[in-house]
Amino acid sequence: MINRAFHLVARRIDAPLMVTIALAACLGLLVIYSASGGHSFDRVLGQVRNLGIALAALWVVANIPPQAIMRLAIPVYVGGLLLLIGVALFGEIRNGARRWLNLGFTTIQPSEIMKIAAPLMLAWYFHIHREALRFRHFAVAAVLLAIPVGLIVRQPDLGTAILVFASGFFVIFLAGLSWKVIGALAVGGAASLPLVWGLLHDYQRRRVLTLLDPQQDPLGAGYHIIQSTIAIGSGGILGKGWLEGTQSQLDFIPERSTDFILAVFAEEFGLVGVLLLVTLYLTIVSRGLYIAAKASTPFGRLTAGALTLTFFTYAFVNMGMVSGILPVVGVPLPLMSYGGTALLSIMMGFGILMSIWTHRHLVSS
């Protein structure tokens, strides 16, 4: 009976991917406890609850065949767009941003839905046109991506907009976008920087300027970067030890259990710990790309590849902003930072990867 129940639960779970995810999540619980001051389990218990919900979602999605997931692409995308429009019209304003929609029984952040919906929609679109892709198909895909990204930027939520854009761009890139077009887009993007600068909010401009010189406002906009880099540097090779980080325990690091949890981790576990975490992330990325390479359909390949590279972008952007090489954009460290919404979207992405992998022999190409 026990073996049968275990088989039922684990039959659609990819063991190598799941083990690596679990190791990273366990590291996250250790650091969250330390970041909370090392004297209360409330934050840890909250994250355990978040992990339980996210893992349940992963299991449910992993058991949905890729064909069914592909059929859900349009409804999920359209539903996500309607929710984003609802946010623009009726959303709650918190800290100067309109990102949340109150549904009466709960409050949601619809932009998180688009991290999954955008790549699914674009993968579906390229799948149905796979026999004769033309430039116009890439143009339509760009429009499908630009609509949700524009709505999210308007909230404003630059961090989530970057991740949604990345998730969609990776699908377009993997579908065969010409390097000439990519080069032209890069040149055009560089040329439009003055215009983009004029469209940024004041706080977003301050973040960019602070990246160039954090010391110009050490107690204001530059405080986050200065304190996080101090913590990372003070960790040295082996770190100060769990619960022994002075920057975190003395409350110098802001948002130390969410966006800046890497600074706490680096201070306590040092360069060795950070290399271990990077190894876990690269293992997850390698497994995801392997799943993409072995997928049975264009939809599976594009979806798996895009979700995997988006996870890499998550980690890269957070590590870059915490270490001071990228502006602070409010992106959590995947599987480590405290929080439920971002964790749920990440785990659902992993569920899609596992569905593509375990159903690969059952799906005709």
Protein backbone atom coordinates (compact mmCIF):
# COMPACT_ATOMS: atom_id res chain seq x y z
CA MET A 1 0.00 0.00 0.00
CA ILE A 2 2.78 2.43 0.94
CA ASN A 3 4.75 1.56 -2.20
CA ARG A 4 1.68 2.08 -4.34
CA ALA A 5 0.98 5.48 -2.76
CA PHE A 6 4.62 6.51 -3.24
CA HIS A 7 4.52 5.42 -6.88
CA LEU A 8 1.32 7.41 -7.41
CA VAL A 9 2.88 10.55 -6.01
CA ALA A 10 6.31 10.17 -7.59
CA ARG A 11 5.51 8.70 -11.01
CA ARG A 12 5.49 12.09 -12.78
CA ILE A 13 8.30 13.63 -10.72
CA ASP A 14 11.74 13.89 -12.28
CA ALA A 15 14.08 12.74 -9.49
CA PRO A 16 17.29 14.60 -10.50
CA LEU A 17 15.44 17.88 -10.85
CA MET A 18 13.40 17.37 -7.68
CA VAL A 19 16.41 16.50 -5.52
CA THR A 20 18.27 19.63 -6.64
CA ILE A 21 15.21 21.81 -6.04
CA ALA A 22 14.80 20.32 -2.56
CA LEU A 23 18.44 20.99 -1.65
CA ALA A 24 18.18 24.63 -2.71
CA ALA A 25 14.88 25.04 -0.83
CA CYS A 26 16.39 23.54 2.34
CA LEU A 27 19.29 25.98 2.12
CA GLY A 28 16.70 28.71 1.81
CA LEU A 29 14.97 27.65 5.02
CA LEU A 30 18.28 27.74 6.90
CA VAL A 31 19.04 31.25 5.69
CA ILE A 32 15.49 32.52 6.27
CA TYR A 33 15.76 31.39 9.90
CA SER A 34 19.06 33.24 10.25
CA ALA A 35 17.72 36.32 8.45
CA SER A 36 14.77 36.47 10.86
CA GLY A 37 17.19 36.90 13.77
CA GLY A 38 17.69 33.25 14.66
CA HIS A 39 15.15 33.31 17.48
CA SER A 40 11.80 32.70 15.81
CA PHE A 41 10.45 29.92 13.60
CA ASP A 42 7.46 31.97 12.43
CA ARG A 43 9.13 33.04 9.18
CA VAL A 44 10.42 29.53 8.55
CA LEU A 45 7.00 27.99 9.17
CA GLY A 46 5.49 30.52 6.78
CA GLN A 47 7.97 29.50 4.10
CA VAL A 48 7.32 25.81 4.78
CA ARG A 49 3.65 26.52 4.15
CA ASN A 50 4.54 28.36 0.93
CA LEU A 51 6.70 25.43 -0.15
CA GLY A 52 3.89 22.98 0.60
CA ILE A 53 1.45 24.89 -1.60
CA ALA A 54 4.03 25.33 -4.35
CA LEU A 55 5.03 21.65 -4.31
CA ALA A 56 1.37 20.63 -4.49
CA ALA A 57 0.98 22.87 -7.54
CA LEU A 58 4.14 21.35 -9.05
CA TRP A 59 2.73 17.84 -8.60
CA VAL A 60 -0.64 18.76 -10.12
CA VAL A 61 0.95 20.42 -13.16
CA ALA A 62 3.46 17.57 -13.59
CA ASN A 63 0.53 15.17 -13.98
CA ILE A 64 -1.13 17.21 -16.73
CA PRO A 65 -0.08 15.96 -20.20
CA PRO A 66 1.73 18.51 -22.39
CA GLN A 67 -1.11 18.37 -24.94
CA ALA A 68 -3.55 19.58 -22.26
CA ILE A 69 -1.10 22.26 -21.11
CA MET A 70 -0.84 23.46 -24.72
CA ARG A 71 -4.64 23.68 -24.96
CA LEU A 72 -4.63 25.84 -21.83
CA ALA A 73 -2.15 28.34 -23.31
CA ILE A 74 -4.73 30.67 -24.88
CA PRO A 75 -7.20 30.72 -21.94
CA VAL A 76 -4.41 31.31 -19.41
CA TYR A 77 -2.86 34.07 -21.54
CA VAL A 78 -6.18 35.84 -22.19
CA GLY A 79 -7.18 35.44 -18.54
CA GLY A 80 -3.85 36.90 -17.45
CA LEU A 81 -4.31 39.89 -19.77
CA LEU A 82 -7.81 40.54 -18.43
CA LEU A 83 -6.48 40.45 -14.88
CA LEU A 84 -3.70 42.89 -15.80
CA ILE A 85 -6.29 45.23 -17.31
CA GLY A 86 -8.28 44.81 -14.10
CA VAL A 87 -5.21 45.86 -12.13
CA ALA A 88 -4.79 48.96 -14.30
CA LEU A 89 -8.45 49.92 -13.71
CA PHE A 90 -9.22 48.70 -10.20
CA GLY A 91 -5.95 47.54 -8.66
CA GLU A 92 -4.82 48.33 -5.13
CA ILE A 93 -2.02 50.86 -4.71
CA ARG A 94 0.77 49.88 -2.31
CA ASN A 95 3.99 51.86 -1.92
CA GLY A 96 3.15 53.90 -4.99
CA ALA A 97 2.60 50.88 -7.28
CA ARG A 98 -0.66 49.44 -8.61
CA ARG A 99 0.18 45.72 -8.84
CA TRP A 100 -2.48 43.87 -6.84
CA LEU A 101 -6.08 42.97 -7.59
CA ASN A 102 -8.54 42.31 -4.78
CA LEU A 103 -10.92 39.52 -5.75
CA GLY A 104 -12.90 39.71 -2.49
CA PHE A 105 -11.74 36.40 -1.05
CA THR A 106 -8.06 36.98 -1.81
CA THR A 107 -5.60 39.47 -3.32
CA ILE A 108 -3.48 38.38 -6.28
CA GLN A 109 -0.61 39.80 -8.34
CA PRO A 110 -1.62 38.95 -11.94
CA SER A 111 1.80 39.83 -13.35
CA GLU A 112 3.11 36.58 -11.84
CA ILE A 113 0.68 34.63 -14.02
CA MET A 114 2.29 36.05 -17.14
CA LYS A 115 5.65 34.48 -16.26
CA ILE A 116 4.00 31.18 -17.20
CA ALA A 117 1.29 32.40 -19.59
CA ALA A 118 3.56 34.35 -21.96
CA PRO A 119 5.97 31.50 -22.81
CA LEU A 120 3.08 29.02 -23.07
CA MET A 121 1.21 31.28 -25.49
CA LEU A 122 4.25 31.94 -27.67
CA ALA A 123 5.29 28.28 -27.66
CA TRP A 124 1.76 27.33 -28.75
CA TYR A 125 1.83 29.98 -31.50
CA PHE A 126 5.14 28.79 -32.93
CA HIS A 127 4.05 25.16 -32.60
CA ILE A 128 0.99 25.62 -34.81
CA HIS A 129 3.06 27.55 -37.41
CA ARG A 130 6.12 25.29 -37.21
CA GLU A 131 5.89 24.10 -40.82
CA ALA A 132 6.35 27.53 -42.41
CA LEU A 133 7.71 30.16 -40.05
CA ARG A 134 8.06 33.61 -41.61
CA PHE A 135 9.16 36.99 -40.32
CA ARG A 136 5.53 37.98 -39.78
CA HIS A 137 5.13 35.18 -37.26
CA PHE A 138 7.98 36.58 -35.20
CA ALA A 139 6.42 40.04 -35.48
CA VAL A 140 3.07 38.74 -34.19
CA ALA A 141 4.87 36.95 -31.35
CA ALA A 142 6.61 40.21 -30.43
CA VAL A 143 3.23 41.95 -30.19
CA LEU A 144 1.80 39.12 -28.05
CA LEU A 145 4.73 39.62 -25.70
CA ALA A 146 4.75 43.42 -25.75
CA ILE A 147 1.14 43.73 -24.56
CA PRO A 148 1.57 42.10 -21.10
CA VAL A 149 5.07 43.56 -20.66
CA GLY A 150 3.70 47.05 -21.35
CA LEU A 151 0.87 46.58 -18.85
CA ILE A 152 3.33 45.39 -16.18
CA VAL A 153 5.79 48.25 -16.80
CA ARG A 154 2.89 50.67 -16.37
CA GLN A 155 2.14 49.41 -12.83
CA PRO A 156 5.19 50.01 -12.42
CA ASP A 157 6.97 46.69 -11.78
CA LEU A 158 10.23 46.67 -13.71
CA GLY A 159 11.57 43.47 -12.13
CA THR A 160 8.56 41.34 -13.11
CA ALA A 161 8.41 43.01 -16.52
CA ILE A 162 12.03 41.98 -17.16
CA LEU A 163 11.26 38.37 -16.24
CA VAL A 164 8.09 38.21 -18.36
CA PHE A 165 9.96 39.77 -21.29
CA ALA A 166 12.81 37.28 -20.84
CA SER A 167 10.44 34.30 -20.72
CA GLY A 168 8.82 35.35 -23.99
CA PHE A 169 12.02 36.42 -25.72
CA PHE A 170 13.60 33.05 -25.02
CA VAL A 171 10.71 31.33 -26.83
CA ILE A 172 11.13 33.67 -29.81
CA PHE A 173 14.89 33.11 -29.81
CA LEU A 174 14.61 29.33 -29.56
CA ALA A 175 12.02 29.31 -32.35
CA GLY A 176 14.75 30.48 -34.72
CA LEU A 177 14.92 34.26 -34.60
CA SER A 178 17.70 35.42 -36.92
CA TRP A 179 20.92 36.70 -35.36
CA LYS A 180 20.74 39.61 -37.79
CA VAL A 181 17.39 40.60 -36.32
CA ILE A 182 18.76 40.20 -32.79
CA GLY A 183 21.72 42.41 -33.69
CA ALA A 184 19.43 45.04 -35.20
CA LEU A 185 17.24 44.97 -32.09
CA ALA A 186 20.31 45.38 -29.88
CA VAL A 187 21.49 48.39 -31.87
CA GLY A 188 18.00 49.88 -31.85
CA GLY A 189 17.70 49.28 -28.11
CA ALA A 190 21.02 51.01 -27.46
CA ALA A 191 20.00 53.96 -29.64
CA SER A 192 16.69 54.30 -27.76
CA LEU A 193 18.30 54.48 -24.31
CA PRO A 194 17.94 58.30 -24.10
CA LEU A 195 14.22 57.94 -24.80
CA VAL A 196 13.88 55.10 -22.30
CA TRP A 197 15.70 57.19 -19.69
CA GLY A 198 13.10 59.92 -20.10
CA LEU A 199 10.28 57.42 -19.58
CA LEU A 200 11.68 55.99 -16.34
CA HIS A 201 10.21 56.95 -12.98
CA ASP A 202 12.36 59.04 -10.66
CA TYR A 203 13.05 56.11 -8.32
CA GLN A 204 14.12 53.95 -11.28
CA ARG A 205 16.58 56.60 -12.44
CA ARG A 206 17.97 56.83 -8.92
CA ARG A 207 18.55 53.08 -8.93
CA VAL A 208 20.61 53.29 -12.11
CA LEU A 209 22.62 56.27 -10.86
CA THR A 210 23.12 54.55 -7.52
CA LEU A 211 24.54 51.51 -9.33
CA LEU A 212 27.22 53.74 -10.85
CA ASP A 213 28.04 55.45 -7.55
CA PRO A 214 26.32 54.07 -4.41
CA GLN A 215 28.25 56.50 -2.20
CA GLN A 216 26.38 59.50 -3.60
CA ASP A 217 23.44 58.61 -1.33
CA PRO A 218 24.81 56.15 1.27
CA LEU A 219 21.84 56.45 3.64
CA GLY A 220 19.19 56.51 0.94
CA ALA A 221 19.14 54.92 -2.51
CA GLY A 222 22.67 53.52 -2.12
CA TYR A 223 22.08 51.90 1.27
CA HIS A 224 20.91 48.53 -0.07
CA ILE A 225 23.90 48.00 -2.37
CA ILE A 226 26.47 49.28 0.13
CA GLN A 227 25.30 47.04 2.96
CA SER A 228 24.87 43.95 0.77
CA THR A 229 28.36 44.28 -0.73
CA ILE A 230 29.83 44.79 2.74
CA ALA A 231 28.12 41.57 3.89
CA ILE A 232 29.27 39.60 0.85
CA GLY A 233 32.86 40.81 1.21
CA SER A 234 32.99 40.16 4.95
CA GLY A 235 32.01 36.53 4.42
CA GLY A 236 35.37 35.76 2.84
CA ILE A 237 36.12 32.24 1.63
CA LEU A 238 34.40 30.12 4.29
CA GLY A 239 31.97 32.61 5.82
CA LYS A 240 31.38 33.61 9.42
CA GLY A 241 29.15 30.64 10.18
CA TRP A 242 25.41 30.09 10.39
CA LEU A 243 23.72 32.70 12.62
CA GLU A 244 27.06 34.50 12.99
CA GLY A 245 26.75 37.14 10.27
CA THR A 246 27.11 40.55 11.86
CA GLN A 247 25.56 42.55 9.01
CA SER A 248 22.43 40.44 9.06
CA GLN A 249 22.13 39.80 12.80
CA LEU A 250 22.61 43.50 13.59
CA ASP A 251 19.92 44.41 11.05
CA PHE A 252 22.11 46.33 8.60
CA ILE A 253 20.96 44.39 5.53
CA PRO A 254 17.53 45.55 4.29
CA GLU A 255 14.96 43.02 3.04
CA ARG A 256 17.34 40.31 4.18
CA SER A 257 14.84 37.46 4.00
CA THR A 258 13.52 38.38 0.55
CA ASP A 259 15.38 40.23 -2.21
CA PHE A 260 18.73 40.48 -0.38
CA ILE A 261 18.86 37.02 1.16
CA LEU A 262 21.98 36.23 -0.90
CA ALA A 263 23.92 38.81 1.14
CA VAL A 264 22.99 36.93 4.33
CA PHE A 265 23.94 33.61 2.76
CA ALA A 266 27.28 34.90 1.44
CA GLU A 267 28.21 36.45 4.78
CA GLU A 268 27.52 33.26 6.72
CA PHE A 269 28.71 30.63 4.22
CA GLY A 270 31.29 32.60 2.24
CA LEU A 271 32.51 32.02 -1.29
CA VAL A 272 32.31 28.24 -0.81
CA GLY A 273 28.61 28.46 0.03
CA VAL A 274 27.89 30.76 -2.90
CA LEU A 275 29.70 28.36 -5.26
CA LEU A 276 27.59 25.52 -3.88
CA LEU A 277 24.41 27.50 -4.54
CA VAL A 278 25.56 28.41 -8.05
CA THR A 279 26.32 24.72 -8.67
CA LEU A 280 22.77 23.80 -7.62
CA TYR A 281 21.34 26.45 -9.92
CA LEU A 282 23.48 25.34 -12.86
CA THR A 283 22.44 21.74 -12.23
CA ILE A 284 18.79 22.78 -12.42
CA VAL A 285 19.45 24.75 -15.62
CA SER A 286 21.40 21.86 -17.17
CA ARG A 287 18.62 19.40 -16.38
CA GLY A 288 16.00 21.78 -17.78
CA LEU A 289 17.91 22.24 -21.03
CA TYR A 290 18.36 18.47 -21.30
CA ILE A 291 14.60 18.05 -20.91
CA ALA A 292 14.08 20.68 -23.62
CA ALA A 293 16.47 18.85 -25.96
CA LYS A 294 14.62 15.54 -25.45
CA ALA A 295 11.09 16.95 -25.75
CA SER A 296 8.82 15.29 -28.29
CA THR A 297 7.20 18.38 -29.80
CA PRO A 298 8.18 21.94 -30.75
CA PHE A 299 5.83 23.16 -28.02
CA GLY A 300 7.65 21.07 -25.43
CA ARG A 301 11.10 22.15 -26.60
CA LEU A 302 10.25 25.83 -26.69
CA THR A 303 8.40 25.81 -23.38
CA ALA A 304 11.01 23.80 -21.48
CA GLY A 305 13.88 25.85 -22.90
CA ALA A 306 12.21 29.18 -22.16
CA LEU A 307 11.20 28.27 -18.59
CA THR A 308 14.68 26.97 -17.85
CA LEU A 309 16.41 30.09 -19.19
CA THR A 310 13.93 32.27 -17.31
CA PHE A 311 14.92 30.52 -14.08
CA PHE A 312 18.54 31.29 -14.94
CA THR A 313 17.57 34.95 -15.51
CA TYR A 314 15.86 35.01 -12.09
CA ALA A 315 19.07 33.91 -10.37
CA PHE A 316 21.39 36.05 -12.51
CA VAL A 317 19.41 39.28 -12.01
CA ASN A 318 19.12 38.79 -8.23
CA MET A 319 22.78 37.91 -7.78
CA GLY A 320 23.76 40.82 -10.00
CA MET A 321 21.74 43.39 -8.08
CA VAL A 322 22.83 42.11 -4.65
CA SER A 323 26.50 42.15 -5.66
CA GLY A 324 26.20 45.63 -7.17
CA ILE A 325 26.65 44.91 -10.88
CA LEU A 326 22.97 45.42 -11.79
CA PRO A 327 20.38 47.97 -10.62
CA VAL A 328 18.03 46.96 -7.79
CA VAL A 329 14.81 45.82 -9.50
CA GLY A 330 13.07 43.76 -6.83
CA VAL A 331 13.66 40.23 -8.14
CA PRO A 332 13.78 37.49 -5.45
CA LEU A 333 16.43 34.78 -5.35
CA PRO A 334 14.66 31.64 -6.65
CA LEU A 335 13.99 28.87 -4.11
CA MET A 336 15.78 30.90 -1.42
CA SER A 337 13.88 34.14 -0.81
CA TYR A 338 10.88 34.21 1.48
CA GLY A 339 7.59 34.59 -0.36
CA GLY A 340 4.75 32.65 -1.90
CA THR A 341 3.70 34.14 -5.23
CA ALA A 342 7.06 34.02 -7.01
CA LEU A 343 7.79 30.58 -5.53
CA LEU A 344 4.46 29.29 -6.82
CA SER A 345 5.14 30.46 -10.37
CA ILE A 346 8.64 28.94 -10.30
CA MET A 347 7.35 25.58 -9.03
CA MET A 348 4.58 25.52 -11.63
CA GLY A 349 7.27 26.06 -14.24
CA PHE A 350 9.17 23.08 -12.86
CA GLY A 351 5.92 21.10 -12.97
CA ILE A 352 5.61 21.87 -16.68
CA LEU A 353 9.22 20.70 -17.20
CA MET A 354 8.47 17.43 -15.43
CA SER A 355 5.29 16.92 -17.45
CA ILE A 356 7.23 17.40 -20.69
CA TRP A 357 9.89 14.94 -19.52
CA THR A 358 7.71 12.15 -18.13
CA HIS A 359 5.23 12.29 -21.03
CA ARG A 360 7.86 12.52 -23.76
CA HIS A 361 7.30 8.96 -25.01
CA LEU A 362 3.52 9.38 -24.97
CA VAL A 363 3.41 12.47 -27.14
CA SER A 364 3.66 12.19 -30.89
CA SER A 365 5.80 14.76 -32.67
